[in-house]
All heavy atoms as atom14 arrays in JSON, in Angstrom:
{
  "sequence": "SDATRIMGESTSNRKYEYLRKTIFQMQERFVYLP",
  "atom14_mask": [
    [1, 1, 1, 1, 1, 1, 0, 0, 0, 0, 0, 0, 0, 0],
    [1, 1, 1, 1, 1, 1, 1, 1, 0, 0, 0, 0, 0, 0],
    [1, 1, 1, 1, 1, 0, 0, 0, 0, 0, 0, 0, 0, 0],
    [1, 1, 1, 1, 1, 1, 1, 0, 0, 0, 0, 0, 0, 0],
    [1, 1, 1, 1, 1, 1, 1, 1, 1, 1, 1, 0, 0, 0],
    [1, 1, 1, 1, 1, 1, 1, 1, 0, 0, 0, 0, 0, 0],
    [1, 1, 1, 1, 1, 1, 1, 1, 0, 0, 0, 0, 0, 0],
    [1, 1, 1, 1, 0, 0, 0, 0, 0, 0, 0, 0, 0, 0],
    [1, 1, 1, 1, 1, 1, 1, 1, 1, 0, 0, 0, 0, 0],
    [1, 1, 1, 1, 1, 1, 0, 0, 0, 0, 0, 0, 0, 0],
    [1, 1, 1, 1, 1, 1, 1, 0, 0, 0, 0, 0, 0, 0],
    [1, 1, 1, 1, 1, 1, 0, 0, 0, 0, 0, 0, 0, 0],
    [1, 1, 1, 1, 1, 1, 1, 1, 0, 0, 0, 0, 0, 0],
    [1, 1, 1, 1, 1, 1, 1, 1, 1, 1, 1, 0, 0, 0],
    [1, 1, 1, 1, 1, 1, 1, 1, 1, 0, 0, 0, 0, 0],
    [1, 1, 1, 1, 1, 1, 1, 1, 1, 1, 1, 1, 0, 0],
    [1, 1, 1, 1, 1, 1, 1, 1, 1, 0, 0, 0, 0, 0],
    [1, 1, 1, 1, 1, 1, 1, 1, 1, 1, 1, 1, 0, 0],
    [1, 1, 1, 1, 1, 1, 1, 1, 0, 0, 0, 0, 0, 0],
    [1, 1, 1, 1, 1, 1, 1, 1, 1, 1, 1, 0, 0, 0],
    [1, 1, 1, 1, 1, 1, 1, 1, 1, 0, 0, 0, 0, 0],
    [1, 1, 1, 1, 1, 1, 1, 0, 0, 0, 0, 0, 0, 0],
    [1, 1, 1, 1, 1, 1, 1, 1, 0, 0, 0, 0, 0, 0],
    [1, 1, 1, 1, 1, 1, 1, 1, 1, 1, 1, 0, 0, 0],
    [1, 1, 1, 1, 1, 1, 1, 1, 1, 0, 0, 0, 0, 0],
    [1, 1, 1, 1, 1, 1, 1, 1, 0, 0, 0, 0, 0, 0],
    [1, 1, 1, 1, 1, 1, 1, 1, 1, 0, 0, 0, 0, 0],
    [1, 1, 1, 1, 1, 1, 1, 1, 1, 0, 0, 0, 0, 0],
    [1, 1, 1, 1, 1, 1, 1, 1, 1, 1, 1, 0, 0, 0],
    [1, 1, 1, 1, 1, 1, 1, 1, 1, 1, 1, 0, 0, 0],
    [1, 1, 1, 1, 1, 1, 1, 0, 0, 0, 0, 0, 0, 0],
    [1, 1, 1, 1, 1, 1, 1, 1, 1, 1, 1, 1, 0, 0],
    [1, 1, 1, 1, 1, 1, 1, 1, 0, 0, 0, 0, 0, 0],
    [1, 1, 1, 1, 1, 1, 1, 0, 0, 0, 0, 0, 0, 0]
  ],
  "atom14_positions": [
    [[0.75, -1.23, -0.04], [0.0, -0.03, 0.01], [0.89, 1.25, 0.03], [0.52, 2.31, -0.65], [-0.93, 0.0, 1.24], [-0.19, -0.03, 2.44], [0.0, 0.0, 0.0], [0.0, 0.0, 0.0], [0.0, 0.0, 0.0], [0.0, 0.0, 0.0], [0.0, 0.0, 0.0], [0.0, 0.0, 0.0], [0.0, 0.0, 0.0], [0.0, 0.0, 0.0]],
    [[1.99, 1.23, 0.75], [2.93, 2.4, 0.79], [3.51, 2.58, -0.6], [3.73, 3.68, -1.02], [3.96, 2.23, 1.85], [3.42, 2.5, 3.2], [2.27, 3.03, 3.31], [4.16, 2.18, 4.2], [0.0, 0.0, 0.0], [0.0, 0.0, 0.0], [0.0, 0.0, 0.0], [0.0, 0.0, 0.0], [0.0, 0.0, 0.0], [0.0, 0.0, 0.0]],
    [[3.81, 1.5, -1.33], [4.53, 1.67, -2.65], [3.52, 2.36, -3.59], [3.96, 3.22, -4.39], [4.78, 0.29, -3.17], [0.0, 0.0, 0.0], [0.0, 0.0, 0.0], [0.0, 0.0, 0.0], [0.0, 0.0, 0.0], [0.0, 0.0, 0.0], [0.0, 0.0, 0.0], [0.0, 0.0, 0.0], [0.0, 0.0, 0.0], [0.0, 0.0, 0.0]],
    [[2.26, 2.05, -3.55], [1.32, 2.67, -4.48], [1.13, 4.11, -4.05], [0.93, 4.97, -4.95], [-0.04, 1.9, -4.43], [-0.6, 1.8, -3.07], [0.05, 0.52, -4.94], [0.0, 0.0, 0.0], [0.0, 0.0, 0.0], [0.0, 0.0, 0.0], [0.0, 0.0, 0.0], [0.0, 0.0, 0.0], [0.0, 0.0, 0.0], [0.0, 0.0, 0.0]],
    [[1.15, 4.43, -2.8], [1.08, 5.85, -2.39], [2.21, 6.65, -2.87], [2.07, 7.75, -3.28], [0.93, 5.92, -0.85], [-0.43, 5.46, -0.28], [-0.44, 5.65, 1.25], [-0.22, 7.02, 1.68], [0.08, 7.38, 2.91], [0.34, 6.49, 3.77], [0.23, 8.69, 3.21], [0.0, 0.0, 0.0], [0.0, 0.0, 0.0], [0.0, 0.0, 0.0]],
    [[3.44, 6.04, -2.71], [4.66, 6.78, -3.19], [4.57, 7.05, -4.62], [5.0, 8.15, -5.07], [5.85, 5.86, -2.8], [6.09, 5.73, -1.26], [7.13, 6.42, -3.5], [6.94, 4.58, -0.88], [0.0, 0.0, 0.0], [0.0, 0.0, 0.0], [0.0, 0.0, 0.0], [0.0, 0.0, 0.0], [0.0, 0.0, 0.0], [0.0, 0.0, 0.0]],
    [[4.05, 6.14, -5.41], [3.93, 6.32, -6.84], [2.82, 7.28, -7.22], [2.56, 7.52, -8.35], [3.78, 5.04, -7.53], [5.03, 4.09, -7.46], [4.93, 2.66, -8.53], [3.61, 1.71, -7.69], [0.0, 0.0, 0.0], [0.0, 0.0, 0.0], [0.0, 0.0, 0.0], [0.0, 0.0, 0.0], [0.0, 0.0, 0.0], [0.0, 0.0, 0.0]],
    [[2.08, 7.71, -6.19], [0.96, 8.6, -6.43], [-0.28, 7.89, -6.99], [-1.12, 8.51, -7.67], [0.0, 0.0, 0.0], [0.0, 0.0, 0.0], [0.0, 0.0, 0.0], [0.0, 0.0, 0.0], [0.0, 0.0, 0.0], [0.0, 0.0, 0.0], [0.0, 0.0, 0.0], [0.0, 0.0, 0.0], [0.0, 0.0, 0.0], [0.0, 0.0, 0.0]],
    [[-0.44, 6.58, -6.59], [-1.58, 5.85, -7.13], [-2.46, 5.44, -5.96], [-2.11, 5.46, -4.79], [-1.12, 4.57, -7.85], [-0.15, 4.88, -8.97], [-0.87, 5.38, -10.2], [-2.11, 5.5, -10.14], [-0.17, 5.75, -11.2], [0.0, 0.0, 0.0], [0.0, 0.0, 0.0], [0.0, 0.0, 0.0], [0.0, 0.0, 0.0], [0.0, 0.0, 0.0]],
    [[-3.78, 5.05, -6.29], [-4.68, 4.63, -5.33], [-4.52, 3.11, -5.16], [-4.59, 2.35, -6.18], [-6.09, 4.96, -5.74], [-7.03, 4.27, -4.88], [0.0, 0.0, 0.0], [0.0, 0.0, 0.0], [0.0, 0.0, 0.0], [0.0, 0.0, 0.0], [0.0, 0.0, 0.0], [0.0, 0.0, 0.0], [0.0, 0.0, 0.0], [0.0, 0.0, 0.0]],
    [[-4.41, 2.67, -3.93], [-4.3, 1.15, -3.69], [-5.46, 0.35, -4.27], [-5.3, -0.71, -4.8], [-4.13, 0.91, -2.15], [-3.07, 1.67, -1.65], [-3.94, -0.56, -1.89], [0.0, 0.0, 0.0], [0.0, 0.0, 0.0], [0.0, 0.0, 0.0], [0.0, 0.0, 0.0], [0.0, 0.0, 0.0], [0.0, 0.0, 0.0], [0.0, 0.0, 0.0]],
    [[-6.64, 0.89, -4.13], [-7.82, 0.09, -4.56], [-7.78, 0.0, -6.14], [-8.48, -0.91, -6.59], [-9.06, 1.0, -4.27], [-9.02, 2.25, -4.83], [0.0, 0.0, 0.0], [0.0, 0.0, 0.0], [0.0, 0.0, 0.0], [0.0, 0.0, 0.0], [0.0, 0.0, 0.0], [0.0, 0.0, 0.0], [0.0, 0.0, 0.0], [0.0, 0.0, 0.0]],
    [[-7.12, 0.84, -6.87], [-7.02, 0.68, -8.29], [-5.88, -0.12, -8.8], [-5.67, -0.28, -10.01], [-7.04, 2.08, -8.92], [-8.28, 2.79, -8.64], [-9.39, 2.28, -8.56], [-8.21, 4.2, -8.58], [0.0, 0.0, 0.0], [0.0, 0.0, 0.0], [0.0, 0.0, 0.0], [0.0, 0.0, 0.0], [0.0, 0.0, 0.0], [0.0, 0.0, 0.0]],
    [[-5.03, -0.56, -7.9], [-3.78, -1.25, -8.29], [-3.77, -2.7, -7.69], [-3.53, -2.85, -6.49], [-2.56, -0.47, -7.8], [-2.45, 0.84, -8.48], [-2.35, 0.82, -9.99], [-2.22, 2.03, -10.62], [-2.3, 2.25, -11.93], [-2.52, 1.29, -12.71], [-2.22, 3.49, -12.39], [0.0, 0.0, 0.0], [0.0, 0.0, 0.0], [0.0, 0.0, 0.0]],
    [[-3.95, -3.68, -8.52], [-3.96, -4.99, -8.07], [-2.52, -5.46, -7.88], [-1.56, -4.88, -8.43], [-4.7, -5.94, -9.03], [-6.11, -5.54, -9.29], [-6.96, -5.62, -8.0], [-8.48, -5.32, -8.29], [-9.2, -5.31, -7.06], [0.0, 0.0, 0.0], [0.0, 0.0, 0.0], [0.0, 0.0, 0.0], [0.0, 0.0, 0.0], [0.0, 0.0, 0.0]],
    [[-2.39, -6.55, -7.16], [-1.01, -7.08, -6.9], [-0.21, -7.34, -8.13], [0.89, -7.0, -8.27], [-1.07, -8.34, -6.06], [0.1, -9.22, -5.99], [1.21, -8.75, -5.25], [0.29, -10.35, -6.84], [2.4, -9.51, -5.22], [1.43, -11.04, -6.85], [2.55, -10.63, -6.04], [3.66, -11.34, -6.06], [0.0, 0.0, 0.0], [0.0, 0.0, 0.0]],
    [[-0.87, -7.97, -9.16], [-0.14, -8.38, -10.39], [0.33, -7.16, -11.16], [1.48, -7.13, -11.73], [-1.08, -9.24, -11.28], [-1.17, -10.64, -10.77], [0.12, -11.37, -10.67], [1.07, -11.06, -11.52], [0.27, -12.2, -9.8], [0.0, 0.0, 0.0], [0.0, 0.0, 0.0], [0.0, 0.0, 0.0], [0.0, 0.0, 0.0], [0.0, 0.0, 0.0]],
    [[-0.45, -6.05, -11.08], [-0.02, -4.81, -11.74], [1.2, -4.19, -11.05], [2.17, -3.84, -11.72], [-1.17, -3.79, -11.78], [-0.86, -2.53, -12.49], [-1.08, -2.36, -13.85], [-0.22, -1.47, -11.78], [-0.71, -1.25, -14.5], [0.15, -0.3, -12.48], [-0.13, -0.17, -13.74], [0.25, 0.92, -14.49], [0.0, 0.0, 0.0], [0.0, 0.0, 0.0]],
    [[1.15, -4.21, -9.77], [2.25, -3.65, -8.97], [3.49, -4.51, -9.23], [4.69, -4.01, -9.42], [1.96, -3.62, -7.46], [3.07, -3.12, -6.54], [3.46, -1.66, -6.92], [2.73, -3.31, -5.1], [0.0, 0.0, 0.0], [0.0, 0.0, 0.0], [0.0, 0.0, 0.0], [0.0, 0.0, 0.0], [0.0, 0.0, 0.0], [0.0, 0.0, 0.0]],
    [[3.33, -5.89, -9.26], [4.46, -6.74, -9.48], [5.08, -6.46, -10.83], [6.35, -6.39, -10.9], [3.95, -8.23, -9.36], [5.03, -9.28, -9.61], [4.38, -10.64, -9.4], [5.31, -11.68, -9.59], [5.59, -12.26, -10.78], [4.89, -11.87, -11.84], [6.45, -13.27, -10.89], [0.0, 0.0, 0.0], [0.0, 0.0, 0.0], [0.0, 0.0, 0.0]],
    [[4.22, -6.25, -11.88], [4.73, -5.93, -13.16], [5.53, -4.66, -13.22], [6.55, -4.48, -13.78], [3.6, -5.97, -14.18], [3.99, -5.63, -15.6], [2.76, -5.54, -16.53], [3.24, -5.21, -17.9], [2.04, -5.12, -18.85], [0.0, 0.0, 0.0], [0.0, 0.0, 0.0], [0.0, 0.0, 0.0], [0.0, 0.0, 0.0], [0.0, 0.0, 0.0]],
    [[4.94, -3.63, -12.47], [5.55, -2.31, -12.46], [6.94, -2.39, -11.76], [7.93, -1.77, -12.26], [4.68, -1.32, -11.67], [3.44, -1.23, -12.4], [5.32, 0.04, -11.57], [0.0, 0.0, 0.0], [0.0, 0.0, 0.0], [0.0, 0.0, 0.0], [0.0, 0.0, 0.0], [0.0, 0.0, 0.0], [0.0, 0.0, 0.0], [0.0, 0.0, 0.0]],
    [[7.02, -3.09, -10.67], [8.32, -3.16, -9.91], [9.34, -3.88, -10.77], [10.52, -3.48, -10.78], [8.12, -3.81, -8.56], [7.22, -2.99, -7.67], [9.47, -4.12, -7.86], [7.68, -1.66, -7.43], [0.0, 0.0, 0.0], [0.0, 0.0, 0.0], [0.0, 0.0, 0.0], [0.0, 0.0, 0.0], [0.0, 0.0, 0.0], [0.0, 0.0, 0.0]],
    [[8.93, -4.97, -11.44], [9.9, -5.74, -12.23], [10.35, -4.87, -13.4], [11.52, -5.01, -13.9], [9.28, -7.0, -12.71], [9.22, -8.09, -11.67], [8.49, -9.29, -11.86], [9.71, -7.9, -10.43], [8.46, -10.21, -10.89], [9.75, -8.83, -9.44], [8.99, -10.05, -9.71], [0.0, 0.0, 0.0], [0.0, 0.0, 0.0], [0.0, 0.0, 0.0]],
    [[9.51, -4.05, -13.95], [9.9, -3.19, -15.02], [10.94, -2.14, -14.55], [11.89, -1.75, -15.36], [8.7, -2.41, -15.58], [7.81, -3.25, -16.46], [6.55, -2.48, -16.9], [6.13, -1.41, -16.32], [5.94, -2.94, -17.96], [0.0, 0.0, 0.0], [0.0, 0.0, 0.0], [0.0, 0.0, 0.0], [0.0, 0.0, 0.0], [0.0, 0.0, 0.0]],
    [[10.91, -1.79, -13.25], [11.88, -0.91, -12.72], [13.29, -1.41, -12.79], [14.22, -0.72, -12.97], [11.55, -0.49, -11.26], [10.27, 0.32, -11.07], [10.5, 2.02, -11.68], [11.67, 2.62, -10.42], [0.0, 0.0, 0.0], [0.0, 0.0, 0.0], [0.0, 0.0, 0.0], [0.0, 0.0, 0.0], [0.0, 0.0, 0.0], [0.0, 0.0, 0.0]],
    [[13.37, -2.77, -12.62], [14.66, -3.37, -12.73], [15.25, -3.36, -14.13], [16.43, -3.49, -14.35], [14.62, -4.79, -12.21], [15.96, -5.33, -11.82], [15.88, -6.74, -11.15], [14.83, -7.42, -11.24], [16.85, -7.09, -10.34], [0.0, 0.0, 0.0], [0.0, 0.0, 0.0], [0.0, 0.0, 0.0], [0.0, 0.0, 0.0], [0.0, 0.0, 0.0]],
    [[14.38, -3.12, -15.11], [14.84, -2.99, -16.5], [15.19, -1.55, -16.88], [15.68, -1.36, -18.07], [13.78, -3.59, -17.43], [13.41, -5.03, -17.2], [12.3, -5.51, -17.98], [11.65, -4.73, -18.73], [11.95, -6.73, -17.85], [0.0, 0.0, 0.0], [0.0, 0.0, 0.0], [0.0, 0.0, 0.0], [0.0, 0.0, 0.0], [0.0, 0.0, 0.0]],
    [[14.89, -0.64, -16.04], [15.17, 0.79, -16.34], [16.65, 1.06, -16.1], [17.29, 0.48, -15.1], [14.34, 1.74, -15.53], [12.81, 1.51, -15.75], [12.39, 1.88, -17.11], [10.96, 1.92, -17.19], [10.25, 1.17, -18.1], [10.87, 0.43, -18.93], [8.97, 1.36, -18.11], [0.0, 0.0, 0.0], [0.0, 0.0, 0.0], [0.0, 0.0, 0.0]],
    [[17.33, 1.87, -16.85], [18.76, 2.04, -16.76], [19.09, 3.54, -16.94], [18.28, 4.32, -17.36], [19.49, 1.18, -17.84], [19.05, 1.49, -19.22], [19.52, 2.58, -19.98], [18.08, 0.73, -19.85], [19.13, 2.77, -21.23], [17.65, 0.97, -21.11], [18.22, 2.02, -21.83], [0.0, 0.0, 0.0], [0.0, 0.0, 0.0], [0.0, 0.0, 0.0]],
    [[20.37, 3.86, -16.55], [20.86, 5.15, -16.71], [22.25, 5.04, -17.38], [23.02, 4.15, -17.1], [21.04, 5.87, -15.34], [21.82, 5.07, -14.36], [21.57, 7.28, -15.45], [0.0, 0.0, 0.0], [0.0, 0.0, 0.0], [0.0, 0.0, 0.0], [0.0, 0.0, 0.0], [0.0, 0.0, 0.0], [0.0, 0.0, 0.0], [0.0, 0.0, 0.0]],
    [[22.52, 6.01, -18.27], [23.89, 6.11, -18.88], [24.73, 6.82, -17.92], [24.48, 8.01, -17.55], [23.86, 6.78, -20.21], [23.23, 5.96, -21.3], [21.87, 6.08, -21.6], [23.96, 5.05, -22.03], [21.33, 5.35, -22.66], [23.37, 4.3, -23.05], [22.06, 4.41, -23.37], [21.5, 3.66, -24.36], [0.0, 0.0, 0.0], [0.0, 0.0, 0.0]],
    [[25.84, 6.25, -17.41], [26.69, 6.83, -16.46], [27.38, 8.1, -17.04], [27.8, 8.07, -18.18], [27.77, 5.92, -15.99], [27.32, 4.68, -15.15], [28.47, 3.86, -14.72], [26.44, 5.11, -14.03], [0.0, 0.0, 0.0], [0.0, 0.0, 0.0], [0.0, 0.0, 0.0], [0.0, 0.0, 0.0], [0.0, 0.0, 0.0], [0.0, 0.0, 0.0]],
    [[27.39, 9.21, -16.29], [27.93, 10.52, -16.8], [29.32, 10.36, -17.27], [30.24, 9.79, -16.51], [27.79, 11.47, -15.66], [26.77, 10.8, -14.73], [26.89, 9.32, -14.92], [0.0, 0.0, 0.0], [0.0, 0.0, 0.0], [0.0, 0.0, 0.0], [0.0, 0.0, 0.0], [0.0, 0.0, 0.0], [0.0, 0.0, 0.0], [0.0, 0.0, 0.0]]
  ]
}
């Protein structure tokens, strides 16, 4: 529930599988080192 609040989302509108997919996508996000 805190994770969804941090992302600015409503817990009631975010099912577990959606959150799981979102978090796993975060591991695929990258940054080019300066």
